[in-house]
N, C-alpha and C. Protein backbone atom coordinates (compact mmCIF):
# COMPACT_ATOMS: atom_id res chain seq x y z
N SER A 1 -28.12 -32.93 72.62
CA SER A 1 -27.20 -31.66 72.25
C SER A 1 -26.13 -31.92 71.04
N PRO A 2 -25.46 -32.90 71.42
CA PRO A 2 -24.51 -33.59 69.95
C PRO A 2 -24.89 -33.70 68.71
N PRO A 3 -26.24 -34.16 68.57
CA PRO A 3 -26.85 -34.61 67.61
C PRO A 3 -27.25 -33.37 66.61
N PRO A 4 -27.73 -32.06 67.22
CA PRO A 4 -28.19 -30.83 66.36
C PRO A 4 -26.79 -30.47 65.97
N PRO A 5 -25.60 -30.53 66.37
CA PRO A 5 -24.21 -29.74 65.53
C PRO A 5 -24.07 -30.61 64.30
N LEU A 6 -24.66 -31.91 64.63
CA LEU A 6 -24.08 -32.65 62.94
C LEU A 6 -25.05 -32.01 62.07
N HIS A 7 -26.16 -31.84 62.50
CA HIS A 7 -27.14 -30.98 61.54
C HIS A 7 -26.54 -30.05 60.85
N TYR A 8 -26.04 -29.06 61.64
CA TYR A 8 -25.53 -27.80 61.26
C TYR A 8 -24.43 -27.96 60.25
N ASN A 9 -24.00 -29.20 60.14
CA ASN A 9 -22.73 -29.39 59.48
C ASN A 9 -23.31 -29.72 57.98
N SER A 10 -24.53 -29.87 57.88
CA SER A 10 -25.07 -30.16 56.67
C SER A 10 -25.03 -29.06 55.28
N PRO A 11 -25.16 -27.86 55.56
CA PRO A 11 -25.00 -26.83 55.01
C PRO A 11 -23.68 -26.80 54.10
N PRO A 12 -22.81 -27.69 54.10
CA PRO A 12 -21.52 -27.54 53.51
C PRO A 12 -22.13 -28.40 52.16
N PRO A 13 -22.48 -28.98 51.93
CA PRO A 13 -23.15 -29.77 50.53
C PRO A 13 -23.35 -28.78 49.55
N PRO A 14 -24.39 -27.77 50.04
CA PRO A 14 -25.08 -27.03 48.94
C PRO A 14 -23.98 -26.30 48.55
N GLN A 15 -22.83 -25.99 49.25
CA GLN A 15 -21.80 -25.08 48.62
C GLN A 15 -21.18 -25.76 47.36
N VAL A 16 -21.11 -27.04 47.49
CA VAL A 16 -20.81 -28.08 46.35
C VAL A 16 -21.82 -27.38 45.10
N TYR A 17 -22.59 -27.39 45.40
CA TYR A 17 -23.64 -26.75 44.19
C TYR A 17 -23.41 -25.61 43.76
N TYR A 18 -22.88 -24.67 44.28
CA TYR A 18 -22.53 -23.39 44.00
C TYR A 18 -21.51 -23.47 43.17
N ASN A 19 -20.51 -24.34 43.15
CA ASN A 19 -19.27 -24.52 42.30
C ASN A 19 -19.52 -24.98 40.91
N SER A 20 -21.00 -25.08 40.47
CA SER A 20 -21.51 -25.39 39.24
C SER A 20 -21.27 -24.15 38.32
N PRO A 21 -21.48 -23.23 38.66
CA PRO A 21 -21.22 -22.07 37.89
C PRO A 21 -19.70 -21.99 36.99
N PRO A 22 -18.71 -22.45 37.79
CA PRO A 22 -17.37 -22.68 36.81
C PRO A 22 -17.85 -23.00 35.21
N PRO A 23 -18.54 -23.94 35.06
CA PRO A 23 -18.62 -24.43 33.68
C PRO A 23 -18.90 -23.34 32.78
N PRO A 24 -19.66 -22.27 33.12
CA PRO A 24 -20.17 -21.17 32.20
C PRO A 24 -18.85 -20.57 31.81
N PRO A 25 -17.94 -20.23 32.57
CA PRO A 25 -16.88 -19.66 32.08
C PRO A 25 -15.87 -20.08 30.80
N VAL A 26 -15.95 -21.34 30.47
CA VAL A 26 -15.46 -22.11 29.47
C VAL A 26 -16.13 -21.64 28.48
N HIS A 27 -17.27 -21.41 28.38
CA HIS A 27 -17.91 -20.76 27.27
C HIS A 27 -17.71 -19.36 26.78
N TYR A 28 -17.01 -18.81 27.80
CA TYR A 28 -16.89 -17.31 27.53
C TYR A 28 -15.18 -17.43 26.96
N SER A 29 -14.78 -18.45 27.22
CA SER A 29 -13.15 -18.64 26.79
C SER A 29 -13.31 -18.82 25.39
N SER A 30 -14.45 -19.43 24.80
CA SER A 30 -14.74 -19.70 23.50
C SER A 30 -14.58 -18.90 22.68
N LEU A 31 -15.26 -17.92 22.84
CA LEU A 31 -15.80 -16.71 22.19
C LEU A 31 -14.41 -15.85 22.21
N PRO A 32 -13.47 -15.69 22.99
CA PRO A 32 -12.18 -14.68 22.95
C PRO A 32 -11.48 -15.18 21.52
N PRO A 33 -11.10 -16.87 21.45
CA PRO A 33 -10.39 -17.20 20.42
C PRO A 33 -10.66 -16.36 19.46
N PRO A 34 -11.82 -16.68 18.89
CA PRO A 34 -12.29 -16.47 17.52
C PRO A 34 -11.80 -15.00 17.09
N PRO A 35 -12.27 -13.69 18.20
CA PRO A 35 -12.18 -12.44 17.69
C PRO A 35 -10.56 -12.35 17.51
N GLN A 36 -9.65 -13.12 18.15
CA GLN A 36 -8.12 -12.74 17.94
C GLN A 36 -8.25 -13.26 16.48
N VAL A 37 -8.78 -14.34 15.96
CA VAL A 37 -8.27 -14.78 14.46
C VAL A 37 -8.50 -13.56 13.73
N HIS A 38 -9.42 -13.18 14.10
CA HIS A 38 -10.05 -11.67 13.10
C HIS A 38 -9.16 -10.77 12.74
N TYR A 39 -8.57 -10.43 14.02
CA TYR A 39 -7.68 -9.32 14.45
C TYR A 39 -6.10 -9.29 13.89
N SER A 40 -6.19 -10.81 13.44
CA SER A 40 -4.87 -11.28 12.79
C SER A 40 -5.08 -10.93 11.20
N SER A 41 -6.22 -10.86 10.56
CA SER A 41 -6.60 -11.04 9.27
C SER A 41 -6.12 -9.35 8.87
N PRO A 42 -6.49 -8.33 9.69
CA PRO A 42 -6.32 -7.18 9.00
C PRO A 42 -4.72 -7.01 8.93
N PRO A 43 -4.18 -7.15 9.66
CA PRO A 43 -2.49 -6.75 9.59
C PRO A 43 -2.05 -7.16 8.05
N PRO A 44 -2.34 -8.49 7.38
CA PRO A 44 -1.57 -8.92 6.13
C PRO A 44 -1.90 -7.60 5.20
N PRO A 45 -3.19 -7.37 5.08
CA PRO A 45 -3.54 -6.13 3.85
C PRO A 45 -2.70 -5.27 3.93
N PRO A 46 -2.53 -4.49 5.40
CA PRO A 46 -1.86 -3.03 5.56
C PRO A 46 0.01 -3.61 4.63
N GLN A 47 0.13 -4.72 4.99
CA GLN A 47 1.75 -5.02 4.40
C GLN A 47 1.72 -4.82 2.85
N VAL A 48 0.66 -5.22 2.38
CA VAL A 48 0.28 -5.62 0.97
C VAL A 48 0.54 -4.00 0.38
N HIS A 49 -0.13 -3.07 1.18
CA HIS A 49 -0.33 -1.82 0.52
C HIS A 49 0.88 -0.99 0.72
N TYR A 50 2.02 -1.52 1.77
CA TYR A 50 3.10 -0.99 1.90
C TYR A 50 4.29 -1.47 1.01
N SER A 51 3.71 -2.10 0.29
CA SER A 51 4.84 -3.08 -0.77
C SER A 51 4.45 -2.05 -2.09
N SER A 52 3.41 -1.24 -1.83
CA SER A 52 3.31 -0.73 -3.27
C SER A 52 4.24 0.41 -3.48
N PRO A 53 4.51 1.15 -2.41
CA PRO A 53 5.96 2.33 -2.68
C PRO A 53 6.85 1.71 -3.16
N PRO A 54 7.75 0.55 -3.28
CA PRO A 54 8.54 0.23 -3.81
C PRO A 54 8.58 0.57 -5.41
N PRO A 55 7.69 0.41 -6.27
CA PRO A 55 7.66 0.67 -7.46
C PRO A 55 7.89 2.00 -8.00
N PRO A 56 7.43 2.88 -7.12
CA PRO A 56 8.10 4.40 -7.45
C PRO A 56 9.32 4.30 -7.61
N PRO A 57 10.49 3.63 -7.00
CA PRO A 57 11.74 4.05 -7.00
C PRO A 57 12.23 3.65 -8.42
N VAL A 58 11.49 2.95 -9.60
CA VAL A 58 11.75 2.53 -10.63
C VAL A 58 11.67 3.54 -11.34
N HIS A 59 10.64 4.45 -10.92
CA HIS A 59 10.57 6.05 -11.54
C HIS A 59 11.67 6.71 -11.80
N HIS A 60 12.18 6.47 -10.68
CA HIS A 60 13.42 7.64 -10.49
C HIS A 60 14.55 7.24 -11.34
N SER A 61 14.42 6.00 -11.72
CA SER A 61 15.46 5.30 -12.44
C SER A 61 15.07 5.94 -14.00
N SER A 62 13.92 6.36 -14.20
CA SER A 62 13.73 6.91 -15.54
C SER A 62 14.77 8.29 -15.91
N PRO A 63 14.67 8.98 -14.98
CA PRO A 63 15.78 10.50 -15.19
C PRO A 63 16.70 10.41 -15.95
N PRO A 64 17.67 9.08 -15.84
CA PRO A 64 18.72 8.96 -16.59
C PRO A 64 18.52 8.96 -18.16
N PRO A 65 17.88 8.26 -18.39
CA PRO A 65 17.52 8.21 -19.94
C PRO A 65 16.96 10.07 -20.38
N PRO A 66 16.82 10.95 -19.88
CA PRO A 66 16.77 12.45 -20.36
C PRO A 66 17.89 12.64 -20.50
N ALA A 67 18.89 12.38 -19.74
CA ALA A 67 20.41 12.77 -19.83
C ALA A 67 20.81 12.41 -21.37
N VAL A 68 20.52 11.51 -21.84
CA VAL A 68 20.37 11.10 -23.38
C VAL A 68 19.78 12.37 -24.05
N ILE A 69 18.82 12.67 -23.66
CA ILE A 69 18.24 13.64 -24.65
C ILE A 69 19.12 14.84 -24.95
N HIS A 70 19.72 14.99 -23.63
CA HIS A 70 19.86 16.30 -23.69
C HIS A 70 21.17 16.23 -24.58
N HIS A 71 21.83 15.33 -24.59
CA HIS A 71 23.29 15.24 -25.66
C HIS A 71 22.72 15.12 -26.92
N SER A 72 21.45 15.24 -27.38
CA SER A 72 20.91 15.03 -28.79
C SER A 72 20.94 16.72 -29.50
N PRO A 73 20.64 17.58 -28.42
CA PRO A 73 20.76 18.84 -29.11
C PRO A 73 21.73 19.25 -29.60
N PRO A 74 22.78 18.73 -29.57
CA PRO A 74 23.89 19.40 -30.50
C PRO A 74 23.91 19.04 -32.07
N PRO A 75 23.53 17.90 -32.18
CA PRO A 75 23.47 17.61 -33.50
C PRO A 75 22.23 18.60 -34.33
N PRO A 76 21.18 18.41 -33.70
CA PRO A 76 20.31 19.71 -34.39
C PRO A 76 20.84 20.76 -35.02
N SER A 77 21.84 21.35 -34.11
CA SER A 77 22.58 22.76 -34.27
C SER A 77 23.04 22.66 -35.88
N PRO A 78 23.87 21.60 -36.16
CA PRO A 78 24.18 21.65 -37.47
C PRO A 78 23.59 21.48 -38.54
N GLU A 79 22.03 20.48 -37.95
CA GLU A 79 21.02 20.47 -39.02
C GLU A 79 20.49 21.79 -39.74
N TYR A 80 20.68 22.74 -38.53
CA TYR A 80 19.91 24.24 -39.03
C TYR A 80 20.74 24.73 -40.18
N GLU A 81 22.41 24.58 -39.76
CA GLU A 81 23.05 25.10 -41.13
C GLU A 81 22.86 24.52 -42.12
N GLY A 82 22.46 22.99 -42.23
CA GLY A 82 22.16 22.59 -43.32
C GLY A 82 21.40 23.07 -44.50
N PRO A 83 20.29 23.57 -44.08
CA PRO A 83 18.90 24.24 -45.07
C PRO A 83 19.65 25.38 -44.98
N LEU A 84 20.33 26.12 -44.47
CA LEU A 84 20.73 27.49 -45.33
C LEU A 84 21.53 27.49 -46.60
N PRO A 85 22.44 26.74 -46.57
CA PRO A 85 23.27 26.66 -47.84
C PRO A 85 22.97 26.05 -48.43
N PRO A 86 21.63 24.90 -48.96
CA PRO A 86 21.41 24.32 -50.18
C PRO A 86 20.34 25.87 -50.73
N VAL A 87 19.73 25.07 -51.66
CA VAL A 87 19.11 26.15 -52.59
C VAL A 87 17.59 26.38 -52.10
N ILE A 88 17.37 25.01 -51.34
CA ILE A 88 16.09 25.11 -50.99
C ILE A 88 15.52 26.06 -50.02
N GLY A 89 16.25 26.64 -49.37
CA GLY A 89 15.88 27.83 -48.43
C GLY A 89 16.28 29.37 -49.63
N VAL A 90 16.81 29.06 -50.49
CA VAL A 90 16.27 30.17 -51.58
C VAL A 90 14.95 30.24 -51.91
N SER A 91 14.45 29.17 -52.60
CA SER A 91 13.12 28.90 -53.19
C SER A 91 12.15 28.97 -52.43
N TYR A 92 12.55 29.10 -51.09
CA TYR A 92 11.30 29.57 -49.97
C TYR A 92 11.13 31.13 -50.23
N ALA A 93 12.23 31.75 -50.31
CA ALA A 93 12.27 33.15 -50.26
C ALA A 93 12.12 33.91 -51.56
N SER A 94 11.95 33.00 -52.48
CA SER A 94 11.66 33.51 -53.93
C SER A 94 10.14 33.80 -53.70
N PRO A 95 9.44 32.76 -53.37
CA PRO A 95 7.69 33.02 -53.43
C PRO A 95 7.60 34.17 -52.82
N PRO A 96 7.61 34.17 -51.61
CA PRO A 96 7.31 35.68 -50.83
C PRO A 96 7.61 36.91 -51.61
N PRO A 97 8.69 37.25 -52.56
CA PRO A 97 8.53 38.37 -53.36
C PRO A 97 7.47 38.72 -54.41
N PRO A 98 7.53 37.80 -55.05
CA PRO A 98 6.26 38.05 -56.20
C PRO A 98 5.11 38.64 -55.76
N PRO A 99 4.26 37.87 -54.50
CA PRO A 99 3.23 38.35 -54.10
C PRO A 99 3.39 40.25 -53.54
N PHE A 100 5.04 40.28 -52.93
CA PHE A 100 4.95 41.54 -52.02
C PHE A 100 4.83 42.42 -53.28
N TYR A 101 5.54 42.14 -54.46
CA TYR A 101 5.39 43.14 -56.00
C TYR A 101 4.00 43.49 -55.98
């Protein structure tokens, strides 16, 4: 009777054989790391695109120059009065009368 119980204790060894599947998980762990690196690549490009908006502000700096042009209109006014006094204006008024005659 005592010898059979010892035989019953023999099944434990097969359990150790069942512990062999653990190695496969290591293979699964090798796959996850690579994908993470791929995910880190997309973030950099978006940052560069976000850096493009800064240039527009320079365009905003362009409005100041036009202000100087607005100051230019005053000078043209006196120039308009210049051609009136000279005889050149009369010469232009002289040709039209002959054809009209």
